[in-house]
Structure formats: C-alpha cells, structure tokens
PDB file of N, CA and C in Angstrom:
ATOM      1  N   MET A   1    -131.711-240.585  81.603  1.00  0.00           N
ATOM      2  CA  MET A   1    -131.923-240.271  83.003  1.00  0.00           C
ATOM      3  C   MET A   1    -133.063-239.261  83.161  1.00  0.00           C
ATOM      4  N   VAL A   2    -133.118-238.290  82.256  1.00  0.00           N
ATOM      5  CA  VAL A   2    -134.179-237.289  82.320  1.00  0.00           C
ATOM      6  C   VAL A   2    -135.544-237.951  82.112  1.00  0.00           C
ATOM      7  N   THR A   3    -135.602-238.921  81.207  1.00  0.00           N
ATOM      8  CA  THR A   3    -136.857-239.622  80.947  1.00  0.00           C
ATOM      9  C   THR A   3    -137.341-240.339  82.200  1.00  0.00           C
ATOM     10  N   LEU A   4    -136.444-240.938  82.941  1.00  0.00           N
ATOM     11  CA  LEU A   4    -136.791-241.628  84.175  1.00  0.00           C
ATOM     12  C   LEU A   4    -137.348-240.654  85.214  1.00  0.00           C
ATOM     13  N   ILE A   5    -136.728-239.507  85.345  1.00  0.00           N
ATOM     14  CA  ILE A   5    -137.180-238.503  86.308  1.00  0.00           C
ATOM     15  C   ILE A   5    -138.548-237.961  85.919  1.00  0.00           C
ATOM     16  N   VAL A   6    -138.724-237.647  84.644  1.00  0.00           N
ATOM     17  CA  VAL A   6    -140.013-237.128  84.173  1.00  0.00           C
ATOM     18  C   VAL A   6    -141.106-238.181  84.343  1.00  0.00           C
ATOM     19  N   SER A   7    -140.774-239.436  84.061  1.00  0.00           N
ATOM     20  CA  SER A   7    -141.749-240.514  84.252  1.00  0.00           C
ATOM     21  C   SER A   7    -142.137-240.663  85.711  1.00  0.00           C
ATOM     22  N   SER A   8    -141.183-240.508  86.597  1.00  0.00           N
ATOM     23  CA  SER A   8    -141.469-240.580  88.036  1.00  0.00           C
ATOM     24  C   SER A   8    -142.407-239.465  88.467  1.00  0.00           C
ATOM     25  N   PHE A   9    -142.149-238.260  87.991  1.00  0.00           N
ATOM     26  CA  PHE A   9    -143.048-237.148  88.300  1.00  0.00           C
ATOM     27  C   PHE A   9    -144.436-237.394  87.705  1.00  0.00           C
ATOM     28  N   GLY A  10    -144.481-237.978  86.530  1.00  0.00           N
ATOM     29  CA  GLY A  10    -145.763-238.312  85.910  1.00  0.00           C
ATOM     30  C   GLY A  10    -146.550-239.306  86.742  1.00  0.00           C
ATOM     31  N   LEU A  11    -145.870-240.293  87.308  1.00  0.00           N
ATOM     32  CA  LEU A  11    -146.535-241.271  88.164  1.00  0.00           C
ATOM     33  C   LEU A  11    -147.085-240.606  89.426  1.00  0.00           C
ATOM     34  N   VAL A  12    -146.303-239.744  90.049  1.00  0.00           N
ATOM     35  CA  VAL A  12    -146.763-239.025  91.238  1.00  0.00           C
ATOM     36  C   VAL A  12    -147.972-238.166  90.898  1.00  0.00           C
ATOM     37  N   MET A  13    -147.914-237.493  89.763  1.00  0.00           N
ATOM     38  CA  MET A  13    -149.033-236.655  89.327  1.00  0.00           C
ATOM     39  C   MET A  13    -150.275-237.510  89.072  1.00  0.00           C
ATOM     40  N   ALA A  14    -150.104-238.660  88.430  1.00  0.00           N
ATOM     41  CA  ALA A  14    -151.236-239.546  88.154  1.00  0.00           C
ATOM     42  C   ALA A  14    -151.872-240.047  89.445  1.00  0.00           C
ATOM     43  N   LEU A  15    -151.062-240.373  90.430  1.00  0.00           N
ATOM     44  CA  LEU A  15    -151.603-240.831  91.709  1.00  0.00           C
ATOM     45  C   LEU A  15    -152.363-239.711  92.425  1.00  0.00           C
ATOM     46  N   ALA A  16    -151.863-238.499  92.338  1.00  0.00           N
ATOM     47  CA  ALA A  16    -152.559-237.363  92.955  1.00  0.00           C
ATOM     48  C   ALA A  16    -153.910-237.124  92.277  1.00  0.00           C
ATOM     49  N   TRP A  17    -153.926-237.161  90.943  1.00  0.00           N
ATOM     50  CA  TRP A  17    -155.183-236.983  90.215  1.00  0.00           C
ATOM     51  C   TRP A  17    -156.135-238.139  90.499  1.00  0.00           C
ATOM     52  N   ASN A  18    -155.611-239.342  90.617  1.00  0.00           N
ATOM     53  CA  ASN A  18    -156.444-240.495  90.922  1.00  0.00           C
ATOM     54  C   ASN A  18    -157.180-240.283  92.243  1.00  0.00           C
ATOM     55  N   ASP A  19    -156.460-239.839  93.251  1.00  0.00           N
ATOM     56  CA  ASP A  19    -157.077-239.599  94.551  1.00  0.00           C
ATOM     57  C   ASP A  19    -158.114-238.481  94.472  1.00  0.00           C
ATOM     58  N   ALA A  20    -157.793-237.414  93.751  1.00  0.00           N
ATOM     59  CA  ALA A  20    -158.723-236.288  93.626  1.00  0.00           C
ATOM     60  C   ALA A  20    -159.992-236.707  92.883  1.00  0.00           C
ATOM     61  N   ILE A  21    -159.841-237.444  91.808  1.00  0.00           N
ATOM     62  CA  ILE A  21    -161.007-237.867  91.020  1.00  0.00           C
ATOM     63  C   ILE A  21    -161.852-238.855  91.812  1.00  0.00           C
ATOM     64  N   GLN A  22    -161.215-239.766  92.552  1.00  0.00           N
ATOM     65  CA  GLN A  22    -161.972-240.710  93.370  1.00  0.00           C
ATOM     66  C   GLN A  22    -162.761-239.980  94.455  1.00  0.00           C
ATOM     67  N   SER A  23    -162.165-238.986  95.079  1.00  0.00           N
ATOM     68  CA  SER A  23    -162.874-238.211  96.100  1.00  0.00           C
ATOM     69  C   SER A  23    -164.066-237.481  95.492  1.00  0.00           C
ATOM     70  N   PHE A  24    -163.872-236.880  94.334  1.00  0.00           N
ATOM     71  CA  PHE A  24    -164.961-236.199  93.642  1.00  0.00           C
ATOM     72  C   PHE A  24    -166.067-237.188  93.282  1.00  0.00           C
ATOM     73  N   PHE A  25    -165.687-238.352  92.783  1.00  0.00           N
ATOM     74  CA  PHE A  25    -166.657-239.371  92.398  1.00  0.00           C
ATOM     75  C   PHE A  25    -167.469-239.823  93.611  1.00  0.00           C
ATOM     76  N   ASN A  26    -166.818-239.971  94.758  1.00  0.00           N
ATOM     77  CA  ASN A  26    -167.525-240.380  95.975  1.00  0.00           C
ATOM     78  C   ASN A  26    -168.481-239.307  96.475  1.00  0.00           C
ATOM     79  N   ILE A  27    -168.172-238.040  96.232  1.00  0.00           N
ATOM     80  CA  ILE A  27    -169.070-236.957  96.632  1.00  0.00           C
ATOM     81  C   ILE A  27    -170.276-236.898  95.695  1.00  0.00           C
ATOM     82  N   VAL A  28    -170.038-237.016  94.396  1.00  0.00           N
ATOM     83  CA  VAL A  28    -171.106-236.912  93.415  1.00  0.00           C
ATOM     84  C   VAL A  28    -172.011-238.148  93.448  1.00  0.00           C
ATOM     85  N   PHE A  29    -171.424-239.310  93.602  1.00  0.00           N
ATOM     86  CA  PHE A  29    -172.181-240.568  93.613  1.00  0.00           C
ATOM     87  C   PHE A  29    -171.917-241.320  94.917  1.00  0.00           C
ATOM     88  N   PRO A  30    -172.448-240.842  96.030  1.00  0.00           N
ATOM     89  CA  PRO A  30    -172.121-241.474  97.318  1.00  0.00           C
ATOM     90  C   PRO A  30    -172.644-242.904  97.456  1.00  0.00           C
ATOM     91  N   LYS A  31    -173.767-243.225  96.818  1.00  0.00           N
ATOM     92  CA  LYS A  31    -174.332-244.566  96.958  1.00  0.00           C
ATOM     93  C   LYS A  31    -173.657-245.568  96.039  1.00  0.00           C
ATOM     94  N   ALA A  32    -172.932-245.104  95.041  1.00  0.00           N
ATOM     95  CA  ALA A  32    -172.280-245.999  94.084  1.00  0.00           C
ATOM     96  C   ALA A  32    -170.834-246.269  94.480  1.00  0.00           C
ATOM     97  N   GLY A  33    -170.521-246.147  95.762  1.00  0.00           N
ATOM     98  CA  GLY A  33    -169.142-246.285  96.217  1.00  0.00           C
ATOM     99  C   GLY A  33    -168.651-247.714  96.280  1.00  0.00           C
ATOM    100  N   GLY A  34    -169.490-248.690  96.011  1.00  0.00           N
ATOM    101  CA  GLY A  34    -169.082-250.085  96.085  1.00  0.00           C
ATOM    102  C   GLY A  34    -168.357-250.545  94.849  1.00  0.00           C
ATOM    103  N   LEU A  35    -168.477-251.820  94.586  1.00  0.00           N
ATOM    104  CA  LEU A  35    -167.790-252.431  93.457  1.00  0.00           C
ATOM    105  C   LEU A  35    -168.267-251.864  92.122  1.00  0.00           C
ATOM    106  N   VAL A  36    -169.570-251.634  91.993  1.00  0.00           N
ATOM    107  CA  VAL A  36    -170.108-251.079  90.751  1.00  0.00           C
ATOM    108  C   VAL A  36    -169.535-249.686  90.498  1.00  0.00           C
ATOM    109  N   GLY A  37    -169.455-248.872  91.527  1.00  0.00           N
ATOM    110  CA  GLY A  37    -168.886-247.534  91.396  1.00  0.00           C
ATOM    111  C   GLY A  37    -167.440-247.559  90.954  1.00  0.00           C
ATOM    112  N   LYS A  38    -166.682-248.505  91.467  1.00  0.00           N
ATOM    113  CA  LYS A  38    -165.274-248.614  91.074  1.00  0.00           C
ATOM    114  C   LYS A  38    -165.136-249.022  89.611  1.00  0.00           C
ATOM    115  N   PHE A  39    -166.026-249.913  89.156  1.00  0.00           N
ATOM    116  CA  PHE A  39    -165.981-250.298  87.745  1.00  0.00           C
ATOM    117  C   PHE A  39    -166.378-249.134  86.837  1.00  0.00           C
ATOM    118  N   ILE A  40    -167.387-248.375  87.238  1.00  0.00           N
ATOM    119  CA  ILE A  40    -167.786-247.201  86.453  1.00  0.00           C
ATOM    120  C   ILE A  40    -166.636-246.202  86.383  1.00  0.00           C
ATOM    121  N   TYR A  41    -165.983-245.984  87.508  1.00  0.00           N
ATOM    122  CA  TYR A  41    -164.839-245.078  87.572  1.00  0.00           C
ATOM    123  C   TYR A  41    -163.716-245.574  86.651  1.00  0.00           C
ATOM    124  N   ALA A  42    -163.408-246.870  86.716  1.00  0.00           N
ATOM    125  CA  ALA A  42    -162.331-247.431  85.898  1.00  0.00           C
ATOM    126  C   ALA A  42    -162.652-247.330  84.407  1.00  0.00           C
ATOM    127  N   ILE A  43    -163.890-247.599  84.040  1.00  0.00           N
ATOM    128  CA  ILE A  43    -164.284-247.501  82.631  1.00  0.00           C
ATOM    129  C   ILE A  43    -164.210-246.062  82.147  1.00  0.00           C
ATOM    130  N   LEU A  44    -164.699-245.134  82.951  1.00  0.00           N
ATOM    131  CA  LEU A  44    -164.653-243.718  82.586  1.00  0.00           C
ATOM    132  C   LEU A  44    -163.221-243.245  82.385  1.00  0.00           C
ATOM    133  N   ILE A  45    -162.346-243.569  83.307  1.00  0.00           N
ATOM    134  CA  ILE A  45    -160.944-243.151  83.201  1.00  0.00           C
ATOM    135  C   ILE A  45    -160.280-243.809  81.991  1.00  0.00           C
ATOM    136  N   THR A  46    -160.605-245.076  81.739  1.00  0.00           N
ATOM    137  CA  THR A  46    -160.030-245.762  80.586  1.00  0.00           C
ATOM    138  C   THR A  46    -160.431-245.095  79.277  1.00  0.00           C
ATOM    139  N   VAL A  47    -161.699-244.742  79.153  1.00  0.00           N
ATOM    140  CA  VAL A  47    -162.173-244.076  77.934  1.00  0.00           C
ATOM    141  C   VAL A  47    -161.472-242.728  77.753  1.00  0.00           C
ATOM    142  N   ILE A  48    -161.339-241.983  78.822  1.00  0.00           N
ATOM    143  CA  ILE A  48    -160.680-240.674  78.746  1.00  0.00           C
ATOM    144  C   ILE A  48    -159.214-240.827  78.351  1.00  0.00           C
ATOM    145  N   VAL A  49    -158.504-241.755  78.980  1.00  0.00           N
ATOM    146  CA  VAL A  49    -157.073-241.922  78.700  1.00  0.00           C
ATOM    147  C   VAL A  49    -156.837-242.441  77.282  1.00  0.00           C
ATOM    148  N   VAL A  50    -157.652-243.387  76.827  1.00  0.00           N
ATOM    149  CA  VAL A  50    -157.489-243.908  75.469  1.00  0.00           C
ATOM    150  C   VAL A  50    -157.763-242.810  74.441  1.00  0.00           C
ATOM    151  N   SER A  51    -158.807-242.019  74.669  1.00  0.00           N
ATOM    152  CA  SER A  51    -159.110-240.915  73.748  1.00  0.00           C
ATOM    153  C   SER A  51    -157.980-239.893  73.722  1.00  0.00           C
ATOM    154  N   PHE A  52    -157.489-239.538  74.888  1.00  0.00           N
ATOM    155  CA  PHE A  52    -156.410-238.559  74.985  1.00  0.00           C
ATOM    156  C   PHE A  52    -155.135-239.100  74.334  1.00  0.00           C
ATOM    157  N   SER A  53    -154.815-240.373  74.572  1.00  0.00           N
ATOM    158  CA  SER A  53    -153.619-240.976  73.983  1.00  0.00           C
ATOM    159  C   SER A  53    -153.718-241.012  72.467  1.00  0.00           C
ATOM    160  N   SER A  54    -154.899-241.320  71.965  1.00  0.00           N
ATOM    161  CA  SER A  54    -155.111-241.350  70.523  1.00  0.00           C
ATOM    162  C   SER A  54    -154.908-239.967  69.916  1.00  0.00           C
ATOM    163  N   GLN A  55    -155.431-238.947  70.575  1.00  0.00           N
ATOM    164  CA  GLN A  55    -155.251-237.581  70.085  1.00  0.00           C
ATOM    165  C   GLN A  55    -153.775-237.165  70.123  1.00  0.00           C
ATOM    166  N   LEU A  56    -153.071-237.542  71.182  1.00  0.00           N
ATOM    167  CA  LEU A  56    -151.648-237.215  71.266  1.00  0.00           C
ATOM    168  C   LEU A  56    -150.852-237.899  70.164  1.00  0.00           C
ATOM    169  N   LYS A  57    -151.169-239.156  69.897  1.00  0.00           N
ATOM    170  CA  LYS A  57    -150.450-239.874  68.846  1.00  0.00           C
ATOM    171  C   LYS A  57    -150.673-239.203  67.503  1.00  0.00           C
ATOM    172  N   THR A  58    -151.909-238.828  67.221  1.00  0.00           N
ATOM    173  CA  THR A  58    -152.214-238.159  65.962  1.00  0.00           C
ATOM    174  C   THR A  58    -151.504-236.809  65.879  1.00  0.00           C
ATOM    175  N   PHE A  59    -151.427-236.108  66.993  1.00  0.00           N
ATOM    176  CA  PHE A  59    -150.796-234.784  67.019  1.00  0.00           C
ATOM    177  C   PHE A  59    -149.290-234.882  66.819  1.00  0.00           C
ATOM    178  N   PHE A  60    -148.643-235.853  67.504  1.00  0.00           N
ATOM    179  CA  PHE A  60    -147.191-235.937  67.446  1.00  0.00           C
ATOM    180  C   PHE A  60    -146.664-236.815  66.323  1.00  0.00           C
ATOM    181  N   ASP A  61    -147.517-237.625  65.712  1.00  0.00           N
ATOM    182  CA  ASP A  61    -147.084-238.487  64.617  1.00  0.00           C
ATOM    183  C   ASP A  61    -147.948-238.192  63.396  1.00  0.00           C
ATOM    184  N   PRO A  62    -147.540-237.233  62.583  1.00  0.00           N
ATOM    185  CA  PRO A  62    -148.373-236.824  61.451  1.00  0.00           C
ATOM    186  C   PRO A  62    -148.522-237.890  60.366  1.00  0.00           C
ATOM    187  N   THR A  63    -147.736-238.983  60.427  1.00  0.00           N
ATOM    188  CA  THR A  63    -147.896-240.045  59.435  1.00  0.00           C
ATOM    189  C   THR A  63    -149.105-240.916  59.732  1.00  0.00           C
ATOM    190  N   GLU A  64    -149.696-240.754  60.911  1.00  0.00           N
ATOM    191  CA  GLU A  64    -150.900-241.493  61.287  1.00  0.00           C
ATOM    192  C   GLU A  64    -152.103-240.562  61.184  1.00  0.00           C
ATOM    193  N   GLY A  65    -153.260-241.133  61.144  1.00  0.00           N
ATOM    194  CA  GLY A  65    -154.475-240.340  61.210  1.00  0.00           C
ATOM    195  C   GLY A  65    -154.950-239.833  59.866  1.00  0.00           C
ATOM    196  N   PRO A  66    -155.747-238.768  59.862  1.00  0.00           N
ATOM    197  CA  PRO A  66    -156.405-238.270  58.649  1.00  0.00           C
ATOM    198  C   PRO A  66    -155.441-237.828  57.550  1.00  0.00           C
ATOM    199  N   THR A  67    -154.291-237.281  57.917  1.00  0.00           N
ATOM    200  CA  THR A  67    -153.372-236.801  56.880  1.00  0.00           C
ATOM    201  C   THR A  67    -152.807-237.962  56.077  1.00  0.00           C
ATOM    202  N   LYS A  68    -152.561-239.104  56.708  1.00  0.00           N
ATOM    203  CA  LYS A  68    -152.052-240.270  55.990  1.00  0.00           C
ATOM    204  C   LYS A  68    -153.108-240.812  55.035  1.00  0.00           C
ATOM    205  N   GLN A  69    -154.349-240.827  55.482  1.00  0.00           N
ATOM    206  CA  GLN A  69    -155.415-241.332  54.636  1.00  0.00           C
ATOM    207  C   GLN A  69    -155.572-240.466  53.377  1.00  0.00           C
ATOM    208  N   LYS A  70    -155.445-239.178  53.509  1.00  0.00           N
ATOM    209  CA  LYS A  70    -155.553-238.283  52.357  1.00  0.00           C
ATOM    210  C   LYS A  70    -154.409-238.535  51.386  1.00  0.00           C
ATOM    211  N   LYS A  71    -153.194-238.761  51.900  1.00  0.00           N
ATOM    212  CA  LYS A  71    -152.052-239.000  51.025  1.00  0.00           C
ATOM    213  C   LYS A  71    -152.189-240.326  50.304  1.00  0.00           C
ATOM    214  N   ASP A  72    -152.744-241.341  50.998  1.00  0.00           N
ATOM    215  CA  ASP A  72    -152.925-242.649  50.373  1.00  0.00           C
ATOM    216  C   ASP A  72    -153.937-242.617  49.245  1.00  0.00           C
ATOM    217  N   GLN A  73    -154.911-241.745  49.319  1.00  0.00           N
ATOM    218  CA  GLN A  73    -155.961-241.669  48.311  1.00  0.00           C
ATOM    219  C   GLN A  73    -155.479-240.968  47.050  1.00  0.00           C
ATOM    220  N   GLN A  74    -154.423-240.167  47.142  1.00  0.00           N
ATOM    221  CA  GLN A  74    -153.952-239.398  45.984  1.00  0.00           C
ATOM    222  C   GLN A  74    -153.125-240.210  45.048  1.00  0.00           C
TER     223      GLN A  74
END
C-alpha cells in the first residue's frame, strides 16, 4: 500500500516538473514551440531519465556496473 501511495506522489511530482520544464522550454526557445520543439523536448527528457535511471541502478545494485566487471576479471 505504501508503494502505491509513493508512486502516486511520484506521478504528481513528475507532472508538475513536466509542466515547469515545458514552460521553461517555451520561454528559452519560443520559435521552436511546434512539433519539432516537442520532439527535442521529448528526446532531451528521455536522455536525462535514462542516464539517471542507469546511475540509480548502478548505485542500488552493486552486482551491476564496474564492480562486477572487476570481479569477473579476477
């Protein structure tokens, strides 16, 4: 039940950040507000989230990443 509540708060937080980042993007790049701007925004957010997720996985799962490679070589 706690996981469901935390996930719900995470979704609300993600939607708030989405709106804030879109507003910032529209201010910084006012002419790119069309379809091309939305694709640039989506690609940028995807790269950031994938990088962050990869770092979190490496941080919370020590069997993955550089430490595993070092152990395999020994």
